[in-house]
Amino acid sequence: MSQEIWRNKTESISSLDRLARNTLTMDLPEARNCREAREQSRKEMHVLNEKLASQLEKVSILLLLLLLLYNYCFITIN
């Protein structure tokens, strides 16, 4: 194996080791804060998703009403 390939593999392994050590050294309050932030973000996304669904439903109703109005006007004119 060439020296460059060997060096890349060892650098990759050392970066994984560093990541594992950082993860293991994260204390309990940090882990809780991280989880709480993730849960809060999930709740916010759920609320935003519900608002978007509501808006899309309103738009589809308005489009249907517009189509009905157009058809009514077209039929009464002709």
PDB file of N, CA and C in Angstrom:
ATOM      1  N   MET A   1       0.848  -1.167   0.000  1.00  0.00           N
ATOM      2  CA  MET A   1       0.000   0.000   0.000  1.00  0.00           C
ATOM      3  C   MET A   1       0.897   1.234   0.000  1.00  0.00           C
ATOM      4  N   SER A   2       0.560   2.195  -0.837  1.00  0.00           N
ATOM      5  CA  SER A   2       1.401   3.390  -0.924  1.00  0.00           C
ATOM      6  C   SER A   2       1.269   4.215   0.356  1.00  0.00           C
ATOM      7  N   GLN A   3       2.262   5.062   0.566  1.00  0.00           N
ATOM      8  CA  GLN A   3       2.272   5.866   1.789  1.00  0.00           C
ATOM      9  C   GLN A   3       1.090   6.834   1.840  1.00  0.00           C
ATOM     10  N   GLU A   4       0.715   7.383   0.687  1.00  0.00           N
ATOM     11  CA  GLU A   4      -0.389   8.345   0.683  1.00  0.00           C
ATOM     12  C   GLU A   4      -1.710   7.671   1.050  1.00  0.00           C
ATOM     13  N   ILE A   5      -1.966   6.497   0.491  1.00  0.00           N
ATOM     14  CA  ILE A   5      -3.196   5.772   0.829  1.00  0.00           C
ATOM     15  C   ILE A   5      -3.193   5.427   2.308  1.00  0.00           C
ATOM     16  N   TRP A   6      -2.057   4.959   2.810  1.00  0.00           N
ATOM     17  CA  TRP A   6      -1.948   4.598   4.226  1.00  0.00           C
ATOM     18  C   TRP A   6      -2.200   5.826   5.106  1.00  0.00           C
ATOM     19  N   ARG A   7      -1.623   6.966   4.715  1.00  0.00           N
ATOM     20  CA  ARG A   7      -1.794   8.191   5.497  1.00  0.00           C
ATOM     21  C   ARG A   7      -3.259   8.630   5.486  1.00  0.00           C
ATOM     22  N   ASN A   8      -3.931   8.553   4.328  1.00  0.00           N
ATOM     23  CA  ASN A   8      -5.341   8.929   4.249  1.00  0.00           C
ATOM     24  C   ASN A   8      -6.196   8.040   5.137  1.00  0.00           C
ATOM     25  N   LYS A   9      -5.880   6.741   5.141  1.00  0.00           N
ATOM     26  CA  LYS A   9      -6.656   5.825   5.981  1.00  0.00           C
ATOM     27  C   LYS A   9      -6.435   6.126   7.453  1.00  0.00           C
ATOM     28  N   THR A  10      -5.201   6.381   7.842  1.00  0.00           N
ATOM     29  CA  THR A  10      -4.937   6.665   9.258  1.00  0.00           C
ATOM     30  C   THR A  10      -5.531   8.007   9.667  1.00  0.00           C
ATOM     31  N   GLU A  11      -5.517   9.001   8.767  1.00  0.00           N
ATOM     32  CA  GLU A  11      -6.151  10.286   9.084  1.00  0.00           C
ATOM     33  C   GLU A  11      -7.653  10.113   9.243  1.00  0.00           C
ATOM     34  N   SER A  12      -8.242   9.289   8.388  1.00  0.00           N
ATOM     35  CA  SER A  12      -9.672   9.028   8.472  1.00  0.00           C
ATOM     36  C   SER A  12     -10.012   8.341   9.788  1.00  0.00           C
ATOM     37  N   ILE A  13      -9.200   7.364  10.175  1.00  0.00           N
ATOM     38  CA  ILE A  13      -9.437   6.653  11.431  1.00  0.00           C
ATOM     39  C   ILE A  13      -9.265   7.599  12.610  1.00  0.00           C
ATOM     40  N   SER A  14      -8.244   8.449  12.559  1.00  0.00           N
ATOM     41  CA  SER A  14      -8.026   9.363  13.680  1.00  0.00           C
ATOM     42  C   SER A  14      -9.160  10.379  13.791  1.00  0.00           C
ATOM     43  N   SER A  15      -9.730  10.800  12.655  1.00  0.00           N
ATOM     44  CA  SER A  15     -10.852  11.738  12.738  1.00  0.00           C
ATOM     45  C   SER A  15     -12.082  11.047  13.321  1.00  0.00           C
ATOM     46  N   LEU A  16     -12.267   9.756  13.005  1.00  0.00           N
ATOM     47  CA  LEU A  16     -13.364   9.000  13.612  1.00  0.00           C
ATOM     48  C   LEU A  16     -13.139   8.835  15.106  1.00  0.00           C
ATOM     49  N   ASP A  17     -11.891   8.581  15.496  1.00  0.00           N
ATOM     50  CA  ASP A  17     -11.568   8.473  16.917  1.00  0.00           C
ATOM     51  C   ASP A  17     -11.873   9.785  17.633  1.00  0.00           C
ATOM     52  N   ARG A  18     -11.497  10.886  17.011  1.00  0.00           N
ATOM     53  CA  ARG A  18     -11.747  12.205  17.594  1.00  0.00           C
ATOM     54  C   ARG A  18     -13.250  12.443  17.749  1.00  0.00           C
ATOM     55  N   LEU A  19     -14.015  12.076  16.728  1.00  0.00           N
ATOM     56  CA  LEU A  19     -15.461  12.235  16.787  1.00  0.00           C
ATOM     57  C   LEU A  19     -16.049  11.386  17.906  1.00  0.00           C
ATOM     58  N   ALA A  20     -15.593  10.146  18.014  1.00  0.00           N
ATOM     59  CA  ALA A  20     -16.088   9.262  19.070  1.00  0.00           C
ATOM     60  C   ALA A  20     -15.745   9.818  20.444  1.00  0.00           C
ATOM     61  N   ARG A  21     -14.528  10.319  20.609  1.00  0.00           N
ATOM     62  CA  ARG A  21     -14.135  10.886  21.899  1.00  0.00           C
ATOM     63  C   ARG A  21     -14.966  12.111  22.233  1.00  0.00           C
ATOM     64  N   ASN A  22     -15.211  12.966  21.251  1.00  0.00           N
ATOM     65  CA  ASN A  22     -16.036  14.151  21.497  1.00  0.00           C
ATOM     66  C   ASN A  22     -17.452  13.758  21.887  1.00  0.00           C
ATOM     67  N   THR A  23     -17.976  12.727  21.248  1.00  0.00           N
ATOM     68  CA  THR A  23     -19.316  12.257  21.570  1.00  0.00           C
ATOM     69  C   THR A  23     -19.354  11.692  22.979  1.00  0.00           C
ATOM     70  N   LEU A  24     -18.341  10.916  23.336  1.00  0.00           N
ATOM     71  CA  LEU A  24     -18.312  10.311  24.663  1.00  0.00           C
ATOM     72  C   LEU A  24     -18.083  11.339  25.759  1.00  0.00           C
ATOM     73  N   THR A  25     -17.392  12.413  25.446  1.00  0.00           N
ATOM     74  CA  THR A  25     -17.117  13.414  26.476  1.00  0.00           C
ATOM     75  C   THR A  25     -18.261  14.403  26.643  1.00  0.00           C
ATOM     76  N   MET A  26     -19.266  14.340  25.769  1.00  0.00           N
ATOM     77  CA  MET A  26     -20.412  15.229  25.924  1.00  0.00           C
ATOM     78  C   MET A  26     -21.132  14.828  27.206  1.00  0.00           C
ATOM     79  N   ASP A  27     -21.265  15.749  28.130  1.00  0.00           N
ATOM     80  CA  ASP A  27     -21.865  15.395  29.407  1.00  0.00           C
ATOM     81  C   ASP A  27     -23.384  15.368  29.312  1.00  0.00           C
ATOM     82  N   LEU A  28     -24.004  14.905  30.372  1.00  0.00           N
ATOM     83  CA  LEU A  28     -25.445  14.695  30.397  1.00  0.00           C
ATOM     84  C   LEU A  28     -26.245  15.976  30.140  1.00  0.00           C
ATOM     85  N   PRO A  29     -25.914  17.111  30.764  1.00  0.00           N
ATOM     86  CA  PRO A  29     -26.684  18.329  30.457  1.00  0.00           C
ATOM     87  C   PRO A  29     -26.601  18.732  28.984  1.00  0.00           C
ATOM     88  N   GLU A  30     -25.426  18.565  28.381  1.00  0.00           N
ATOM     89  CA  GLU A  30     -25.299  18.889  26.954  1.00  0.00           C
ATOM     90  C   GLU A  30     -26.179  17.976  26.117  1.00  0.00           C
ATOM     91  N   ALA A  31     -26.195  16.693  26.461  1.00  0.00           N
ATOM     92  CA  ALA A  31     -27.022  15.731  25.724  1.00  0.00           C
ATOM     93  C   ALA A  31     -28.497  16.074  25.881  1.00  0.00           C
ATOM     94  N   ARG A  32     -28.893  16.453  27.092  1.00  0.00           N
ATOM     95  CA  ARG A  32     -30.292  16.837  27.318  1.00  0.00           C
ATOM     96  C   ARG A  32     -30.646  18.086  26.521  1.00  0.00           C
ATOM     97  N   ASN A  33     -29.756  19.067  26.551  1.00  0.00           N
ATOM     98  CA  ASN A  33     -30.003  20.300  25.793  1.00  0.00           C
ATOM     99  C   ASN A  33     -30.131  20.011  24.309  1.00  0.00           C
ATOM    100  N   CYS A  34     -29.279  19.143  23.821  1.00  0.00           N
ATOM    101  CA  CYS A  34     -29.318  18.769  22.403  1.00  0.00           C
ATOM    102  C   CYS A  34     -30.642  18.090  22.079  1.00  0.00           C
ATOM    103  N   ARG A  35     -31.062  17.149  22.929  1.00  0.00           N
ATOM    104  CA  ARG A  35     -32.320  16.440  22.706  1.00  0.00           C
ATOM    105  C   ARG A  35     -33.509  17.389  22.793  1.00  0.00           C
ATOM    106  N   GLU A  36     -33.493  18.294  23.790  1.00  0.00           N
ATOM    107  CA  GLU A  36     -34.586  19.251  23.940  1.00  0.00           C
ATOM    108  C   GLU A  36     -34.665  20.192  22.743  1.00  0.00           C
ATOM    109  N   ALA A  37     -33.521  20.620  22.249  1.00  0.00           N
ATOM    110  CA  ALA A  37     -33.507  21.491  21.069  1.00  0.00           C
ATOM    111  C   ALA A  37     -34.062  20.755  19.859  1.00  0.00           C
ATOM    112  N   ARG A  38     -33.694  19.483  19.722  1.00  0.00           N
ATOM    113  CA  ARG A  38     -34.194  18.681  18.605  1.00  0.00           C
ATOM    114  C   ARG A  38     -35.705  18.485  18.721  1.00  0.00           C
ATOM    115  N   GLU A  39     -36.195  18.215  19.941  1.00  0.00           N
ATOM    116  CA  GLU A  39     -37.631  18.039  20.144  1.00  0.00           C
ATOM    117  C   GLU A  39     -38.384  19.344  19.878  1.00  0.00           C
ATOM    118  N   GLN A  40     -37.828  20.464  20.326  1.00  0.00           N
ATOM    119  CA  GLN A  40     -38.450  21.767  20.080  1.00  0.00           C
ATOM    120  C   GLN A  40     -38.515  22.049  18.582  1.00  0.00           C
ATOM    121  N   SER A  41     -37.442  21.743  17.892  1.00  0.00           N
ATOM    122  CA  SER A  41     -37.410  21.939  16.445  1.00  0.00           C
ATOM    123  C   SER A  41     -38.455  21.057  15.761  1.00  0.00           C
ATOM    124  N   ARG A  42     -38.583  19.828  16.232  1.00  0.00           N
ATOM    125  CA  ARG A  42     -39.574  18.906  15.664  1.00  0.00           C
ATOM    126  C   ARG A  42     -40.990  19.451  15.878  1.00  0.00           C
ATOM    127  N   LYS A  43     -41.261  19.991  17.080  1.00  0.00           N
ATOM    128  CA  LYS A  43     -42.582  20.559  17.359  1.00  0.00           C
ATOM    129  C   LYS A  43     -42.854  21.767  16.465  1.00  0.00           C
ATOM    130  N   GLU A  44     -41.858  22.631  16.311  1.00  0.00           N
ATOM    131  CA  GLU A  44     -42.017  23.801  15.447  1.00  0.00           C
ATOM    132  C   GLU A  44     -42.287  23.384  14.010  1.00  0.00           C
ATOM    133  N   MET A  45     -41.585  22.369  13.545  1.00  0.00           N
ATOM    134  CA  MET A  45     -41.808  21.883  12.180  1.00  0.00           C
ATOM    135  C   MET A  45     -43.216  21.317  12.034  1.00  0.00           C
ATOM    136  N   HIS A  46     -43.713  20.646  13.065  1.00  0.00           N
ATOM    137  CA  HIS A  46     -45.065  20.094  13.025  1.00  0.00           C
ATOM    138  C   HIS A  46     -46.093  21.226  12.914  1.00  0.00           C
ATOM    139  N   VAL A  47     -45.914  22.276  13.717  1.00  0.00           N
ATOM    140  CA  VAL A  47     -46.828  23.427  13.673  1.00  0.00           C
ATOM    141  C   VAL A  47     -46.786  24.080  12.293  1.00  0.00           C
ATOM    142  N   LEU A  48     -45.584  24.287  11.772  1.00  0.00           N
ATOM    143  CA  LEU A  48     -45.459  24.898  10.447  1.00  0.00           C
ATOM    144  C   LEU A  48     -46.087  24.018   9.370  1.00  0.00           C
ATOM    145  N   ASN A  49     -45.922  22.709   9.499  1.00  0.00           N
ATOM    146  CA  ASN A  49     -46.511  21.782   8.536  1.00  0.00           C
ATOM    147  C   ASN A  49     -48.036  21.860   8.578  1.00  0.00           C
ATOM    148  N   GLU A  50     -48.598  21.961   9.787  1.00  0.00           N
ATOM    149  CA  GLU A  50     -50.051  22.088   9.924  1.00  0.00           C
ATOM    150  C   GLU A  50     -50.545  23.400   9.297  1.00  0.00           C
ATOM    151  N   LYS A  51     -49.810  24.482   9.521  1.00  0.00           N
ATOM    152  CA  LYS A  51     -50.192  25.772   8.926  1.00  0.00           C
ATOM    153  C   LYS A  51     -50.136  25.709   7.408  1.00  0.00           C
ATOM    154  N   LEU A  52     -49.100  25.073   6.880  1.00  0.00           N
ATOM    155  CA  LEU A  52     -48.978  24.938   5.431  1.00  0.00           C
ATOM    156  C   LEU A  52     -50.129  24.113   4.870  1.00  0.00           C
ATOM    157  N   ALA A  53     -50.462  23.012   5.535  1.00  0.00           N
ATOM    158  CA  ALA A  53     -51.572  22.175   5.075  1.00  0.00           C
ATOM    159  C   ALA A  53     -52.874  22.967   5.074  1.00  0.00           C
ATOM    160  N   SER A  54     -53.083  23.773   6.096  1.00  0.00           N
ATOM    161  CA  SER A  54     -54.286  24.598   6.176  1.00  0.00           C
ATOM    162  C   SER A  54     -54.337  25.605   5.028  1.00  0.00           C
ATOM    163  N   GLN A  55     -53.216  26.253   4.755  1.00  0.00           N
ATOM    164  CA  GLN A  55     -53.162  27.228   3.664  1.00  0.00           C
ATOM    165  C   GLN A  55     -53.398  26.556   2.310  1.00  0.00           C
ATOM    166  N   LEU A  56     -52.807  25.387   2.121  1.00  0.00           N
ATOM    167  CA  LEU A  56     -53.004  24.669   0.855  1.00  0.00           C
ATOM    168  C   LEU A  56     -54.461  24.268   0.668  1.00  0.00           C
ATOM    169  N   GLU A  57     -55.106  23.875   1.755  1.00  0.00           N
ATOM    170  CA  GLU A  57     -56.516  23.517   1.677  1.00  0.00           C
ATOM    171  C   GLU A  57     -57.354  24.739   1.290  1.00  0.00           C
ATOM    172  N   LYS A  58     -57.050  25.888   1.884  1.00  0.00           N
ATOM    173  CA  LYS A  58     -57.780  27.123   1.546  1.00  0.00           C
ATOM    174  C   LYS A  58     -57.573  27.501   0.084  1.00  0.00           C
ATOM    175  N   VAL A  59     -56.349  27.375  -0.386  1.00  0.00           N
ATOM    176  CA  VAL A  59     -56.056  27.714  -1.780  1.00  0.00           C
ATOM    177  C   VAL A  59     -56.812  26.788  -2.722  1.00  0.00           C
ATOM    178  N   SER A  60     -56.858  25.500  -2.411  1.00  0.00           N
ATOM    179  CA  SER A  60     -57.562  24.577  -3.309  1.00  0.00           C
ATOM    180  C   SER A  60     -59.062  24.868  -3.311  1.00  0.00           C
ATOM    181  N   ILE A  61     -59.625  25.257  -2.167  1.00  0.00           N
ATOM    182  CA  ILE A  61     -61.046  25.630  -2.117  1.00  0.00           C
ATOM    183  C   ILE A  61     -61.288  26.890  -2.949  1.00  0.00           C
ATOM    184  N   LEU A  62     -60.408  27.867  -2.806  1.00  0.00           N
ATOM    185  CA  LEU A  62     -60.554  29.099  -3.592  1.00  0.00           C
ATOM    186  C   LEU A  62     -60.430  28.831  -5.089  1.00  0.00           C
ATOM    187  N   LEU A  63     -59.524  27.956  -5.461  1.00  0.00           N
ATOM    188  CA  LEU A  63     -59.391  27.612  -6.881  1.00  0.00           C
ATOM    189  C   LEU A  63     -60.650  26.932  -7.402  1.00  0.00           C
ATOM    190  N   LEU A  64     -61.223  26.066  -6.602  1.00  0.00           N
ATOM    191  CA  LEU A  64     -62.462  25.397  -6.996  1.00  0.00           C
ATOM    192  C   LEU A  64     -63.592  26.414  -7.148  1.00  0.00           C
ATOM    193  N   LEU A  65     -63.700  27.334  -6.202  1.00  0.00           N
ATOM    194  CA  LEU A  65     -64.732  28.376  -6.302  1.00  0.00           C
ATOM    195  C   LEU A  65     -64.518  29.262  -7.522  1.00  0.00           C
ATOM    196  N   LEU A  66     -63.283  29.590  -7.803  1.00  0.00           N
ATOM    197  CA  LEU A  66     -62.971  30.395  -8.984  1.00  0.00           C
ATOM    198  C   LEU A  66     -63.373  29.657 -10.260  1.00  0.00           C
ATOM    199  N   LEU A  67     -63.096  28.377 -10.307  1.00  0.00           N
ATOM    200  CA  LEU A  67     -63.479  27.575 -11.466  1.00  0.00           C
ATOM    201  C   LEU A  67     -64.997  27.522 -11.619  1.00  0.00           C
ATOM    202  N   LEU A  68     -65.707  27.343 -10.517  1.00  0.00           N
ATOM    203  CA  LEU A  68     -67.173  27.328 -10.569  1.00  0.00           C
ATOM    204  C   LEU A  68     -67.722  28.677 -11.034  1.00  0.00           C
ATOM    205  N   LEU A  69     -67.154  29.751 -10.526  1.00  0.00           N
ATOM    206  CA  LEU A  69     -67.591  31.091 -10.926  1.00  0.00           C
ATOM    207  C   LEU A  69     -67.327  31.332 -12.408  1.00  0.00           C
ATOM    208  N   TYR A  70     -66.169  30.922 -12.864  1.00  0.00           N
ATOM    209  CA  TYR A  70     -65.827  31.074 -14.278  1.00  0.00           C
ATOM    210  C   TYR A  70     -66.818  30.299 -15.143  1.00  0.00           C
ATOM    211  N   ASN A  71     -67.084  29.054 -14.764  1.00  0.00           N
ATOM    212  CA  ASN A  71     -68.031  28.242 -15.541  1.00  0.00           C
ATOM    213  C   ASN A  71     -69.429  28.851 -15.518  1.00  0.00           C
ATOM    214  N   TYR A  72     -69.858  29.367 -14.379  1.00  0.00           N
ATOM    215  CA  TYR A  72     -71.178  29.986 -14.270  1.00  0.00           C
ATOM    216  C   TYR A  72     -71.269  31.212 -15.180  1.00  0.00           C
ATOM    217  N   CYS A  73     -70.238  32.048 -15.125  1.00  0.00           N
ATOM    218  CA  CYS A  73     -70.236  33.254 -15.965  1.00  0.00           C
ATOM    219  C   CYS A  73     -70.185  32.891 -17.444  1.00  0.00           C
ATOM    220  N   PHE A  74     -69.410  31.899 -17.792  1.00  0.00           N
ATOM    221  CA  PHE A  74     -69.283  31.480 -19.186  1.00  0.00           C
ATOM    222  C   PHE A  74     -70.605  30.930 -19.703  1.00  0.00           C
ATOM    223  N   ILE A  75     -71.307  30.156 -18.878  1.00  0.00           N
ATOM    224  CA  ILE A  75     -72.581  29.560 -19.295  1.00  0.00           C
ATOM    225  C   ILE A  75     -73.654  30.636 -19.418  1.00  0.00           C
ATOM    226  N   THR A  76     -73.714  31.569 -18.483  1.00  0.00           N
ATOM    227  CA  THR A  76     -74.768  32.592 -18.525  1.00  0.00           C
ATOM    228  C   THR A  76     -74.553  33.593 -19.653  1.00  0.00           C
ATOM    229  N   ILE A  77     -73.304  33.836 -20.027  1.00  0.00           N
ATOM    230  CA  ILE A  77     -73.019  34.769 -21.118  1.00  0.00           C
ATOM    231  C   ILE A  77     -73.366  34.123 -22.459  1.00  0.00           C
ATOM    232  N   ASN A  78     -73.044  32.864 -22.608  1.00  0.00           N
ATOM    233  CA  ASN A  78     -73.293  32.187 -23.888  1.00  0.00           C
ATOM    234  C   ASN A  78     -74.663  31.646 -23.866  1.00  0.00           C
TER     235      ASN A  78
END
